[in-house]
């Protein structure tokens, strides 16, 4: 029997900030590339806040669904990568570095925004929810999970596993040939991610992240 309370109190408040997080993550990549002179993402219609334009079947749907079914304490995922063309950049290494870093930075900024919203809601809860109806609680949970999910998304994407953003950031510091060989690992990237998930590496890392954020919040 499906637990409707789990859907309302856990799944929906986690899915909303996840969709917002991965959408802003990709838009940040595309917008930064555009500012560096690359119109590829703009021409592809990827500078849109519509999540549908950024959905990746595995990273946006299957992986989060698997984590939800496992009742994971954290939720990770990614969207369809925004295309960009480094040949438009005056300095390709610099451009790739900042474009790659823009996505995780957007997640950290969004997490801070959710933190401010959460603190405001907690302070105003006695006034806004004076009748103790509990209507404000789902919004509080969205803000609460929004902090964790976006911090986790930011850290997850900084892992140096191709095709994650951290690998592209690291590659900009490697000599050309070594960077090319390193990025060849991209074909095994999904396998490596699933293997680390099965081995519990992400659970261990993000368990500490969740504990640390909770200690700051409470």
N, C-alpha and C. Protein backbone atom coordinates (compact mmCIF):
# COMPACT_ATOMS: atom_id res chain seq x y z
N UNK A 1 0.85 -1.20 0.00
CA UNK A 1 0.00 0.00 0.00
C UNK A 1 0.88 1.25 0.00
N UNK A 2 0.56 2.20 -0.90
CA UNK A 2 1.39 3.40 -1.03
C UNK A 2 1.14 4.33 0.15
N UNK A 3 2.20 4.83 0.72
CA UNK A 3 2.13 5.72 1.88
C UNK A 3 1.94 7.16 1.39
N UNK A 4 0.69 7.65 1.44
CA UNK A 4 0.38 8.99 0.94
C UNK A 4 1.07 10.07 1.78
N UNK A 5 1.23 9.80 3.08
CA UNK A 5 1.89 10.79 3.95
C UNK A 5 3.36 10.94 3.56
N UNK A 6 3.98 9.84 3.14
CA UNK A 6 5.38 9.91 2.69
C UNK A 6 5.49 10.74 1.42
N UNK A 7 4.49 10.58 0.54
CA UNK A 7 4.46 11.35 -0.70
C UNK A 7 4.35 12.84 -0.41
N UNK A 8 3.43 13.20 0.48
CA UNK A 8 3.15 14.62 0.77
C UNK A 8 4.27 15.25 1.59
N UNK A 9 4.76 14.53 2.59
CA UNK A 9 5.70 15.12 3.54
C UNK A 9 7.16 14.97 3.14
N UNK A 10 7.47 14.01 2.27
CA UNK A 10 8.87 13.77 1.92
C UNK A 10 9.13 13.92 0.42
N UNK A 11 8.38 13.19 -0.42
CA UNK A 11 8.69 13.13 -1.85
C UNK A 11 8.49 14.47 -2.53
N UNK A 12 7.29 15.05 -2.41
CA UNK A 12 7.00 16.32 -3.09
C UNK A 12 7.92 17.44 -2.62
N UNK A 13 8.13 17.61 -1.28
CA UNK A 13 9.05 18.66 -0.84
C UNK A 13 10.50 18.44 -1.29
N UNK A 14 10.87 17.20 -1.66
CA UNK A 14 12.21 16.95 -2.17
C UNK A 14 12.29 17.15 -3.68
N UNK A 15 11.24 16.75 -4.39
CA UNK A 15 11.24 16.83 -5.85
C UNK A 15 11.22 18.28 -6.33
N UNK A 16 10.45 19.15 -5.66
CA UNK A 16 10.35 20.55 -6.09
C UNK A 16 11.71 21.24 -6.09
N UNK A 17 12.46 21.22 -4.98
CA UNK A 17 13.78 21.88 -5.03
C UNK A 17 14.78 21.15 -5.91
N UNK A 18 14.60 19.84 -6.11
CA UNK A 18 15.50 19.10 -7.01
C UNK A 18 15.32 19.61 -8.44
N UNK A 19 14.06 19.72 -8.90
CA UNK A 19 13.80 20.22 -10.25
C UNK A 19 14.29 21.64 -10.42
N UNK A 20 14.06 22.47 -9.40
CA UNK A 20 14.53 23.85 -9.45
C UNK A 20 16.05 23.90 -9.48
N UNK A 21 16.67 23.04 -8.68
CA UNK A 21 18.13 23.03 -8.59
C UNK A 21 18.81 22.62 -9.87
N UNK A 22 18.32 21.53 -10.49
CA UNK A 22 18.98 21.06 -11.72
C UNK A 22 18.69 22.00 -12.89
N UNK A 23 17.52 22.66 -12.86
CA UNK A 23 17.19 23.62 -13.93
C UNK A 23 18.11 24.83 -13.86
N UNK A 24 18.24 25.42 -12.66
CA UNK A 24 19.10 26.59 -12.51
C UNK A 24 20.56 26.22 -12.75
N UNK A 25 20.92 25.00 -12.38
CA UNK A 25 22.29 24.51 -12.61
C UNK A 25 22.64 24.57 -14.10
N UNK A 26 21.75 24.05 -14.94
CA UNK A 26 22.02 24.03 -16.38
C UNK A 26 21.92 25.42 -17.00
N UNK A 27 20.95 26.21 -16.55
CA UNK A 27 20.82 27.57 -17.07
C UNK A 27 22.07 28.38 -16.73
N UNK A 28 22.63 28.15 -15.54
CA UNK A 28 23.85 28.86 -15.14
C UNK A 28 25.01 28.50 -16.07
N UNK A 29 25.11 27.22 -16.44
CA UNK A 29 26.14 26.82 -17.41
C UNK A 29 25.97 27.58 -18.72
N UNK A 30 24.74 27.54 -19.25
CA UNK A 30 24.47 28.15 -20.55
C UNK A 30 24.64 29.65 -20.53
N UNK A 31 24.18 30.30 -19.46
CA UNK A 31 24.28 31.76 -19.39
C UNK A 31 25.73 32.20 -19.27
N UNK A 32 26.53 31.45 -18.48
CA UNK A 32 27.95 31.80 -18.34
C UNK A 32 28.66 31.64 -19.67
N UNK A 33 28.35 30.55 -20.39
CA UNK A 33 28.94 30.36 -21.72
C UNK A 33 28.55 31.51 -22.65
N UNK A 34 27.29 31.94 -22.55
CA UNK A 34 26.81 33.05 -23.38
C UNK A 34 27.57 34.34 -23.06
N UNK A 35 27.84 34.56 -21.77
CA UNK A 35 28.59 35.76 -21.38
C UNK A 35 30.03 35.71 -21.87
N UNK A 36 30.54 34.50 -22.08
CA UNK A 36 31.89 34.34 -22.62
C UNK A 36 31.89 34.34 -24.15
N UNK A 37 30.72 34.59 -24.75
CA UNK A 37 30.65 34.74 -26.20
C UNK A 37 30.10 33.56 -26.96
N UNK A 38 29.62 32.52 -26.25
CA UNK A 38 29.12 31.32 -26.92
C UNK A 38 27.59 31.32 -26.95
N UNK A 39 26.95 31.43 -28.13
CA UNK A 39 25.49 31.47 -28.21
C UNK A 39 24.84 30.09 -28.35
N UNK A 40 25.63 29.01 -28.22
CA UNK A 40 25.12 27.66 -28.49
C UNK A 40 23.90 27.33 -27.63
N UNK A 41 24.02 27.52 -26.32
CA UNK A 41 22.91 27.19 -25.41
C UNK A 41 21.70 28.07 -25.69
N UNK A 42 21.93 29.34 -25.95
CA UNK A 42 20.83 30.27 -26.25
C UNK A 42 20.11 29.85 -27.52
N UNK A 43 20.88 29.50 -28.55
CA UNK A 43 20.28 29.08 -29.82
C UNK A 43 19.53 27.76 -29.70
N UNK A 44 19.94 26.93 -28.74
CA UNK A 44 19.28 25.64 -28.53
C UNK A 44 18.07 25.77 -27.61
N UNK A 45 17.77 26.98 -27.13
CA UNK A 45 16.64 27.19 -26.24
C UNK A 45 16.86 26.67 -24.84
N UNK A 46 18.13 26.59 -24.42
CA UNK A 46 18.43 26.01 -23.11
C UNK A 46 18.64 27.06 -22.02
N UNK A 47 18.44 28.33 -22.34
CA UNK A 47 18.49 29.36 -21.30
C UNK A 47 17.09 29.59 -20.74
N UNK A 48 16.34 28.51 -20.61
CA UNK A 48 14.94 28.56 -20.17
C UNK A 48 14.82 27.98 -18.77
N UNK A 49 13.92 28.54 -17.97
CA UNK A 49 13.66 28.02 -16.63
C UNK A 49 12.59 26.93 -16.64
N UNK A 50 12.18 26.51 -17.84
CA UNK A 50 11.23 25.41 -17.97
C UNK A 50 11.97 24.09 -17.76
N UNK A 51 11.69 23.34 -16.67
CA UNK A 51 12.44 22.11 -16.39
C UNK A 51 12.35 21.08 -17.51
N UNK A 52 11.26 21.08 -18.27
CA UNK A 52 11.07 20.10 -19.34
C UNK A 52 12.20 20.17 -20.37
N UNK A 53 12.72 21.36 -20.61
CA UNK A 53 13.78 21.55 -21.59
C UNK A 53 15.11 20.93 -21.14
N UNK A 54 15.19 20.59 -19.86
CA UNK A 54 16.47 20.12 -19.32
C UNK A 54 16.42 18.68 -18.80
N UNK A 55 15.30 18.01 -18.99
CA UNK A 55 15.12 16.66 -18.42
C UNK A 55 16.05 15.65 -19.08
N UNK A 56 16.76 14.90 -18.22
CA UNK A 56 17.56 13.76 -18.67
C UNK A 56 16.87 12.50 -18.14
N UNK A 57 16.56 11.52 -19.00
CA UNK A 57 15.80 10.35 -18.57
C UNK A 57 16.40 9.64 -17.36
N UNK A 58 17.72 9.52 -17.33
CA UNK A 58 18.35 8.82 -16.20
C UNK A 58 18.57 9.75 -15.02
N UNK A 59 19.26 10.87 -15.25
CA UNK A 59 19.65 11.74 -14.15
C UNK A 59 18.51 12.51 -13.50
N UNK A 60 17.46 12.82 -14.29
CA UNK A 60 16.34 13.61 -13.76
C UNK A 60 15.19 12.73 -13.29
N UNK A 61 15.05 11.55 -13.88
CA UNK A 61 13.88 10.70 -13.58
C UNK A 61 14.27 9.41 -12.87
N UNK A 62 15.05 8.57 -13.52
CA UNK A 62 15.30 7.22 -13.00
C UNK A 62 16.11 7.22 -11.71
N UNK A 63 17.22 7.96 -11.67
CA UNK A 63 18.05 7.97 -10.46
C UNK A 63 17.32 8.57 -9.26
N UNK A 64 16.68 9.75 -9.37
CA UNK A 64 15.91 10.25 -8.22
C UNK A 64 14.79 9.30 -7.81
N UNK A 65 14.11 8.66 -8.80
CA UNK A 65 13.04 7.72 -8.47
C UNK A 65 13.59 6.52 -7.71
N UNK A 66 14.77 6.04 -8.12
CA UNK A 66 15.41 4.92 -7.41
C UNK A 66 15.72 5.31 -5.97
N UNK A 67 16.24 6.51 -5.77
CA UNK A 67 16.58 6.97 -4.42
C UNK A 67 15.33 7.16 -3.58
N UNK A 68 14.24 7.63 -4.21
CA UNK A 68 12.97 7.80 -3.48
C UNK A 68 12.43 6.44 -3.05
N UNK A 69 12.46 5.46 -3.96
CA UNK A 69 11.96 4.12 -3.63
C UNK A 69 12.80 3.47 -2.53
N UNK A 70 14.10 3.82 -2.51
CA UNK A 70 15.00 3.30 -1.46
C UNK A 70 14.83 4.08 -0.16
N UNK A 71 13.98 5.12 -0.18
CA UNK A 71 13.78 6.03 0.95
C UNK A 71 15.12 6.59 1.41
N UNK A 72 15.91 7.01 0.41
CA UNK A 72 17.22 7.59 0.69
C UNK A 72 17.06 8.90 1.44
N UNK A 73 17.97 9.20 2.39
CA UNK A 73 17.89 10.47 3.12
C UNK A 73 18.33 11.65 2.28
N UNK A 74 18.88 11.38 1.08
CA UNK A 74 19.29 12.46 0.20
C UNK A 74 18.82 12.16 -1.21
N UNK A 75 18.81 13.20 -2.04
CA UNK A 75 18.37 13.06 -3.42
C UNK A 75 19.39 13.76 -4.32
N UNK A 76 19.89 13.03 -5.32
CA UNK A 76 20.81 13.62 -6.28
C UNK A 76 20.29 13.36 -7.69
N UNK A 77 20.82 14.09 -8.63
CA UNK A 77 20.41 13.90 -10.01
C UNK A 77 21.07 14.95 -10.88
N UNK A 78 20.77 14.91 -12.14
CA UNK A 78 21.29 15.92 -13.06
C UNK A 78 20.35 16.05 -14.24
N UNK A 79 20.52 17.11 -14.98
CA UNK A 79 19.69 17.35 -16.16
C UNK A 79 20.50 17.06 -17.41
N UNK A 80 19.85 17.19 -18.55
CA UNK A 80 20.53 17.04 -19.84
C UNK A 80 21.57 18.15 -19.96
N UNK A 81 22.83 17.77 -20.19
CA UNK A 81 23.89 18.80 -20.23
C UNK A 81 23.60 19.89 -21.26
N UNK A 82 23.84 21.13 -20.85
CA UNK A 82 23.69 22.26 -21.77
C UNK A 82 24.88 22.26 -22.74
N UNK A 83 24.63 22.34 -24.04
CA UNK A 83 25.74 22.34 -25.00
C UNK A 83 26.47 23.68 -24.99
N UNK A 84 27.79 23.61 -25.11
CA UNK A 84 28.56 24.84 -25.30
C UNK A 84 29.77 24.52 -26.18
N UNK A 85 30.26 25.54 -26.83
CA UNK A 85 31.34 25.39 -27.80
C UNK A 85 32.53 26.25 -27.39
N UNK A 86 33.59 25.62 -26.83
CA UNK A 86 34.75 26.39 -26.34
C UNK A 86 35.47 27.18 -27.42
N UNK A 87 35.22 26.86 -28.69
CA UNK A 87 35.90 27.59 -29.76
C UNK A 87 35.46 29.05 -29.81
N UNK A 88 34.32 29.37 -29.19
CA UNK A 88 33.86 30.76 -29.11
C UNK A 88 34.62 31.55 -28.03
N UNK A 89 35.25 30.83 -27.10
CA UNK A 89 35.91 31.50 -25.99
C UNK A 89 37.26 32.07 -26.40
N UNK A 90 37.54 33.27 -25.95
CA UNK A 90 38.84 33.88 -26.23
C UNK A 90 39.95 33.07 -25.56
N UNK A 91 39.68 32.60 -24.34
CA UNK A 91 40.60 31.73 -23.62
C UNK A 91 39.81 30.47 -23.26
N UNK A 92 39.92 29.38 -24.06
CA UNK A 92 39.10 28.18 -23.84
C UNK A 92 39.22 27.58 -22.44
N UNK A 93 40.42 27.51 -21.89
CA UNK A 93 40.59 26.94 -20.55
C UNK A 93 39.86 27.77 -19.50
N UNK A 94 40.01 29.06 -19.59
CA UNK A 94 39.32 29.95 -18.65
C UNK A 94 37.81 29.84 -18.82
N UNK A 95 37.35 29.81 -20.06
CA UNK A 95 35.92 29.70 -20.32
C UNK A 95 35.34 28.40 -19.78
N UNK A 96 36.01 27.28 -20.09
CA UNK A 96 35.54 25.98 -19.61
C UNK A 96 35.52 25.93 -18.09
N UNK A 97 36.54 26.50 -17.46
CA UNK A 97 36.62 26.52 -15.99
C UNK A 97 35.40 27.21 -15.39
N UNK A 98 35.10 28.42 -15.87
CA UNK A 98 34.00 29.18 -15.28
C UNK A 98 32.63 28.64 -15.66
N UNK A 99 32.50 28.13 -16.88
CA UNK A 99 31.23 27.52 -17.29
C UNK A 99 30.95 26.29 -16.43
N UNK A 100 31.98 25.48 -16.19
CA UNK A 100 31.81 24.26 -15.40
C UNK A 100 31.49 24.59 -13.94
N UNK A 101 32.13 25.64 -13.43
CA UNK A 101 31.94 26.01 -12.03
C UNK A 101 30.60 26.71 -11.80
N UNK A 102 30.01 27.26 -12.86
CA UNK A 102 28.77 28.04 -12.72
C UNK A 102 27.61 27.20 -12.21
N UNK A 103 27.51 25.94 -12.66
CA UNK A 103 26.40 25.09 -12.24
C UNK A 103 26.39 24.83 -10.75
N UNK A 104 27.48 24.25 -10.18
CA UNK A 104 27.52 24.05 -8.73
C UNK A 104 27.37 25.34 -7.94
N UNK A 105 27.94 26.44 -8.46
CA UNK A 105 27.80 27.73 -7.76
C UNK A 105 26.34 28.15 -7.67
N UNK A 106 25.57 27.89 -8.74
CA UNK A 106 24.14 28.21 -8.73
C UNK A 106 23.42 27.40 -7.66
N UNK A 107 23.82 26.14 -7.49
CA UNK A 107 23.20 25.30 -6.47
C UNK A 107 23.50 25.81 -5.06
N UNK A 108 24.75 26.22 -4.82
CA UNK A 108 25.11 26.74 -3.51
C UNK A 108 24.38 28.05 -3.23
N UNK A 109 24.24 28.89 -4.25
CA UNK A 109 23.50 30.15 -4.08
C UNK A 109 22.03 29.88 -3.79
N UNK A 110 21.46 28.88 -4.49
CA UNK A 110 20.05 28.53 -4.27
C UNK A 110 19.86 27.95 -2.87
N UNK A 111 20.81 27.16 -2.41
CA UNK A 111 20.74 26.61 -1.05
C UNK A 111 20.72 27.74 -0.03
N UNK A 112 21.53 28.77 -0.24
CA UNK A 112 21.55 29.92 0.66
C UNK A 112 20.21 30.66 0.61
N UNK A 113 19.63 30.75 -0.60
CA UNK A 113 18.31 31.37 -0.73
C UNK A 113 17.25 30.61 0.04
N UNK A 114 17.28 29.28 -0.06
CA UNK A 114 16.34 28.46 0.70
C UNK A 114 16.57 28.62 2.21
N UNK A 115 17.82 28.78 2.60
CA UNK A 115 18.13 28.99 4.02
C UNK A 115 17.47 30.27 4.53
N UNK A 116 17.57 31.35 3.75
CA UNK A 116 16.94 32.62 4.14
C UNK A 116 15.42 32.48 4.21
N UNK A 117 14.85 31.75 3.23
CA UNK A 117 13.40 31.53 3.22
C UNK A 117 12.98 30.73 4.45
N UNK A 118 13.74 29.69 4.77
CA UNK A 118 13.42 28.85 5.93
C UNK A 118 13.45 29.66 7.22
N UNK A 119 14.50 30.46 7.39
CA UNK A 119 14.60 31.26 8.61
C UNK A 119 13.44 32.25 8.71
N UNK A 120 13.07 32.84 7.58
CA UNK A 120 11.94 33.79 7.58
C UNK A 120 10.63 33.10 7.93
N UNK A 121 10.42 31.91 7.37
CA UNK A 121 9.19 31.17 7.63
C UNK A 121 9.09 30.75 9.10
N UNK A 122 10.21 30.33 9.66
CA UNK A 122 10.21 29.90 11.06
C UNK A 122 9.88 31.08 11.98
N UNK A 123 10.46 32.24 11.66
CA UNK A 123 10.20 33.44 12.47
C UNK A 123 8.74 33.89 12.35
N UNK A 124 8.19 33.78 11.12
CA UNK A 124 6.85 34.29 10.87
C UNK A 124 5.75 33.24 11.05
N UNK A 125 6.15 31.99 11.32
CA UNK A 125 5.16 30.92 11.43
C UNK A 125 4.06 31.20 12.46
N UNK A 126 4.40 31.71 13.66
CA UNK A 126 3.33 31.98 14.64
C UNK A 126 2.28 32.97 14.13
N UNK A 127 2.70 33.89 13.22
CA UNK A 127 1.76 34.88 12.69
C UNK A 127 1.02 34.33 11.47
N UNK A 128 1.78 33.73 10.53
CA UNK A 128 1.18 33.25 9.29
C UNK A 128 0.30 32.02 9.50
N UNK A 129 0.63 31.25 10.52
CA UNK A 129 -0.13 30.02 10.78
C UNK A 129 -0.73 30.07 12.18
N UNK A 130 -1.35 31.22 12.47
CA UNK A 130 -1.86 31.47 13.82
C UNK A 130 -2.90 30.45 14.25
N UNK A 131 -3.66 29.93 13.29
CA UNK A 131 -4.70 28.95 13.62
C UNK A 131 -4.17 27.55 13.81
N UNK A 132 -2.84 27.40 13.74
CA UNK A 132 -2.20 26.10 13.88
C UNK A 132 -2.78 25.07 12.92
N UNK A 133 -3.08 25.53 11.68
CA UNK A 133 -3.68 24.66 10.67
C UNK A 133 -2.66 23.75 10.01
N UNK A 134 -1.39 24.13 10.09
CA UNK A 134 -0.34 23.31 9.50
C UNK A 134 -0.15 23.54 8.01
N UNK A 135 -0.86 24.52 7.44
CA UNK A 135 -0.75 24.78 6.00
C UNK A 135 0.66 25.24 5.61
N UNK A 136 1.36 25.86 6.55
CA UNK A 136 2.68 26.39 6.26
C UNK A 136 3.76 25.30 6.28
N UNK A 137 3.45 24.19 6.92
CA UNK A 137 4.46 23.14 7.10
C UNK A 137 5.03 22.60 5.79
N UNK A 138 4.20 22.32 4.75
CA UNK A 138 4.78 21.84 3.48
C UNK A 138 5.76 22.83 2.86
N UNK A 139 5.48 24.13 2.99
CA UNK A 139 6.37 25.15 2.44
C UNK A 139 7.69 25.15 3.21
N UNK A 140 7.60 24.99 4.52
CA UNK A 140 8.80 24.92 5.35
C UNK A 140 9.64 23.71 4.95
N UNK A 141 8.98 22.58 4.66
CA UNK A 141 9.70 21.38 4.28
C UNK A 141 10.38 21.54 2.92
N UNK A 142 9.73 22.25 1.99
CA UNK A 142 10.35 22.52 0.69
C UNK A 142 11.63 23.33 0.89
N UNK A 143 11.55 24.37 1.74
CA UNK A 143 12.74 25.19 2.00
C UNK A 143 13.81 24.38 2.71
N UNK A 144 13.38 23.54 3.66
CA UNK A 144 14.31 22.71 4.43
C UNK A 144 15.06 21.75 3.51
N UNK A 145 14.32 21.00 2.70
CA UNK A 145 14.96 20.06 1.77
C UNK A 145 15.73 20.80 0.67
N UNK A 146 15.26 22.02 0.34
CA UNK A 146 15.95 22.80 -0.69
C UNK A 146 17.38 23.11 -0.31
N UNK A 147 17.63 23.33 0.97
CA UNK A 147 19.00 23.58 1.45
C UNK A 147 19.86 22.35 1.22
N UNK A 148 19.39 21.21 1.73
CA UNK A 148 20.18 19.97 1.64
C UNK A 148 20.40 19.55 0.19
N UNK A 149 19.33 19.53 -0.58
CA UNK A 149 19.41 19.01 -1.95
C UNK A 149 20.36 19.84 -2.80
N UNK A 150 20.32 21.16 -2.65
CA UNK A 150 21.17 22.00 -3.49
C UNK A 150 22.62 21.99 -3.03
N UNK A 151 22.87 21.86 -1.74
CA UNK A 151 24.25 21.68 -1.28
C UNK A 151 24.79 20.35 -1.81
N UNK A 152 23.96 19.30 -1.72
CA UNK A 152 24.37 17.98 -2.20
C UNK A 152 24.58 17.99 -3.71
N UNK A 153 23.68 18.65 -4.46
CA UNK A 153 23.84 18.76 -5.91
C UNK A 153 25.15 19.47 -6.26
N UNK A 154 25.44 20.55 -5.54
CA UNK A 154 26.66 21.29 -5.80
C UNK A 154 27.90 20.45 -5.54
N UNK A 155 27.92 19.74 -4.41
CA UNK A 155 29.07 18.90 -4.07
C UNK A 155 29.17 17.72 -5.02
N UNK A 156 28.02 17.08 -5.29
CA UNK A 156 28.00 15.91 -6.19
C UNK A 156 28.59 16.26 -7.55
N UNK A 157 28.18 17.40 -8.10
CA UNK A 157 28.66 17.77 -9.42
C UNK A 157 30.12 18.20 -9.43
N UNK A 158 30.70 18.43 -8.25
CA UNK A 158 32.11 18.77 -8.17
C UNK A 158 33.00 17.53 -8.04
N UNK A 159 32.39 16.34 -7.93
CA UNK A 159 33.19 15.12 -7.93
C UNK A 159 33.94 15.05 -9.26
N UNK A 160 35.23 14.71 -9.24
CA UNK A 160 36.02 14.69 -10.48
C UNK A 160 35.80 13.42 -11.30
N UNK A 161 34.54 13.13 -11.58
CA UNK A 161 34.17 11.95 -12.37
C UNK A 161 33.55 12.44 -13.67
N UNK A 162 34.22 12.24 -14.81
CA UNK A 162 33.60 12.64 -16.08
C UNK A 162 32.26 11.92 -16.25
N UNK A 163 31.16 12.58 -16.63
CA UNK A 163 31.12 13.94 -17.19
C UNK A 163 30.72 15.01 -16.19
N UNK A 164 30.85 14.77 -14.89
CA UNK A 164 30.44 15.76 -13.90
C UNK A 164 31.32 17.00 -14.00
N UNK A 165 30.81 18.13 -13.50
CA UNK A 165 31.49 19.41 -13.65
C UNK A 165 32.89 19.42 -13.04
N UNK A 166 33.04 18.70 -11.94
CA UNK A 166 34.35 18.67 -11.28
C UNK A 166 35.44 18.14 -12.18
N UNK A 167 35.10 17.22 -13.08
CA UNK A 167 36.10 16.67 -13.99
C UNK A 167 36.55 17.73 -15.00
N UNK A 168 35.62 18.56 -15.44
CA UNK A 168 35.98 19.61 -16.41
C UNK A 168 36.81 20.69 -15.74
N UNK A 169 36.48 21.00 -14.48
CA UNK A 169 37.29 21.97 -13.73
C UNK A 169 38.71 21.45 -13.57
N UNK A 170 38.83 20.17 -13.17
CA UNK A 170 40.14 19.57 -12.99
C UNK A 170 40.91 19.51 -14.30
N UNK A 171 40.23 19.19 -15.39
CA UNK A 171 40.88 19.05 -16.70
C UNK A 171 41.53 20.35 -17.16
N UNK A 172 40.99 21.50 -16.73
CA UNK A 172 41.57 22.77 -17.16
C UNK A 172 42.95 23.00 -16.54
N UNK A 173 43.30 22.24 -15.49
CA UNK A 173 44.61 22.37 -14.85
C UNK A 173 45.60 21.32 -15.34
N UNK A 174 45.13 20.38 -16.16
CA UNK A 174 46.00 19.31 -16.65
C UNK A 174 46.59 19.67 -18.01
N UNK A 175 47.79 19.15 -18.31
CA UNK A 175 48.34 19.33 -19.66
C UNK A 175 47.39 18.77 -20.71
N UNK A 176 47.44 19.33 -21.92
CA UNK A 176 46.48 18.98 -22.97
C UNK A 176 46.27 17.50 -23.18
N UNK A 177 47.36 16.74 -23.38
CA UNK A 177 47.24 15.32 -23.65
C UNK A 177 46.66 14.57 -22.45
N UNK A 178 47.14 14.92 -21.26
CA UNK A 178 46.65 14.27 -20.05
C UNK A 178 45.16 14.58 -19.82
N UNK A 179 44.77 15.82 -20.11
CA UNK A 179 43.36 16.21 -19.96
C UNK A 179 42.49 15.41 -20.90
N UNK A 180 42.96 15.22 -22.15
CA UNK A 180 42.20 14.43 -23.13
C UNK A 180 42.04 12.99 -22.69
N UNK A 181 43.12 12.39 -22.16
CA UNK A 181 43.06 11.01 -21.69
C UNK A 181 42.13 10.88 -20.49
N UNK A 182 42.20 11.86 -19.61
CA UNK A 182 41.35 11.87 -18.43
C UNK A 182 39.87 11.93 -18.81
N UNK A 183 39.53 12.79 -19.77
CA UNK A 183 38.14 12.95 -20.18
C UNK A 183 37.62 11.74 -20.96
N UNK A 184 38.53 10.86 -21.39
CA UNK A 184 38.11 9.63 -22.05
C UNK A 184 37.33 8.72 -21.09
N UNK A 185 37.50 8.97 -19.79
CA UNK A 185 36.77 8.19 -18.78
C UNK A 185 35.27 8.48 -18.81
N UNK A 186 34.86 9.51 -19.57
CA UNK A 186 33.45 9.91 -19.61
C UNK A 186 32.55 8.75 -20.03
N UNK A 187 33.03 7.87 -20.90
CA UNK A 187 32.21 6.74 -21.36
C UNK A 187 31.90 5.76 -20.23
N UNK A 188 32.71 5.82 -19.17
CA UNK A 188 32.48 4.95 -18.01
C UNK A 188 31.87 5.71 -16.83
N UNK A 189 31.57 6.99 -17.04
CA UNK A 189 31.13 7.84 -15.94
C UNK A 189 29.90 7.35 -15.22
N UNK A 190 28.85 7.00 -15.96
CA UNK A 190 27.61 6.53 -15.33
C UNK A 190 27.85 5.23 -14.55
N UNK A 191 28.69 4.36 -15.10
CA UNK A 191 29.00 3.10 -14.41
C UNK A 191 29.72 3.38 -13.09
N UNK A 192 30.68 4.32 -13.13
CA UNK A 192 31.41 4.68 -11.91
C UNK A 192 30.46 5.26 -10.86
N UNK A 193 29.54 6.14 -11.29
CA UNK A 193 28.60 6.76 -10.37
C UNK A 193 27.69 5.72 -9.72
N UNK A 194 27.15 4.80 -10.52
CA UNK A 194 26.27 3.76 -9.99
C UNK A 194 27.05 2.86 -9.04
N UNK A 195 28.30 2.54 -9.40
CA UNK A 195 29.13 1.69 -8.55
C UNK A 195 29.39 2.35 -7.20
N UNK A 196 29.70 3.65 -7.22
CA UNK A 196 29.92 4.38 -5.96
C UNK A 196 28.65 4.44 -5.13
N UNK A 197 27.50 4.54 -5.82
CA UNK A 197 26.21 4.56 -5.12
C UNK A 197 25.95 3.22 -4.45
N UNK A 198 26.21 2.13 -5.18
CA UNK A 198 26.00 0.78 -4.64
C UNK A 198 26.94 0.51 -3.46
N UNK A 199 28.18 0.99 -3.58
CA UNK A 199 29.18 0.76 -2.54
C UNK A 199 28.96 1.65 -1.31
N UNK A 200 28.02 2.58 -1.42
CA UNK A 200 27.70 3.44 -0.28
C UNK A 200 28.62 4.63 -0.09
N UNK A 201 29.44 4.93 -1.10
CA UNK A 201 30.37 6.06 -0.98
C UNK A 201 29.61 7.38 -0.88
N UNK A 202 28.62 7.57 -1.76
CA UNK A 202 27.84 8.81 -1.71
C UNK A 202 27.06 8.91 -0.41
N UNK A 203 26.51 7.78 0.04
CA UNK A 203 25.75 7.80 1.29
C UNK A 203 26.63 8.25 2.45
N UNK A 204 27.87 7.77 2.47
CA UNK A 204 28.79 8.13 3.55
C UNK A 204 29.15 9.61 3.49
N UNK A 205 29.52 10.08 2.30
CA UNK A 205 29.92 11.48 2.14
C UNK A 205 28.77 12.41 2.48
N UNK A 206 27.59 12.13 1.90
CA UNK A 206 26.46 13.04 2.09
C UNK A 206 25.83 12.87 3.47
N UNK A 207 26.08 11.74 4.10
CA UNK A 207 25.65 11.59 5.49
C UNK A 207 26.33 12.62 6.39
N UNK A 208 27.63 12.82 6.16
CA UNK A 208 28.37 13.85 6.91
C UNK A 208 27.88 15.25 6.54
N UNK A 209 27.57 15.45 5.25
CA UNK A 209 27.07 16.76 4.81
C UNK A 209 25.74 17.08 5.49
N UNK A 210 24.83 16.09 5.52
CA UNK A 210 23.52 16.27 6.14
C UNK A 210 23.67 16.56 7.63
N UNK A 211 24.56 15.81 8.28
CA UNK A 211 24.80 16.01 9.72
C UNK A 211 25.34 17.42 9.98
N UNK A 212 26.28 17.86 9.12
CA UNK A 212 26.89 19.18 9.30
C UNK A 212 25.85 20.29 9.12
N UNK A 213 25.02 20.18 8.08
CA UNK A 213 24.00 21.22 7.83
C UNK A 213 22.98 21.23 8.97
N UNK A 214 22.56 20.06 9.42
CA UNK A 214 21.61 19.99 10.53
C UNK A 214 22.18 20.65 11.79
N UNK A 215 23.49 20.45 12.02
CA UNK A 215 24.12 21.05 13.20
C UNK A 215 24.15 22.57 13.09
N UNK A 216 24.23 23.10 11.85
CA UNK A 216 24.19 24.54 11.67
C UNK A 216 22.77 25.08 11.84
N UNK A 217 21.79 24.34 11.31
CA UNK A 217 20.41 24.79 11.37
C UNK A 217 19.84 24.71 12.79
N UNK A 218 20.25 23.68 13.52
CA UNK A 218 19.66 23.46 14.85
C UNK A 218 20.75 23.46 15.91
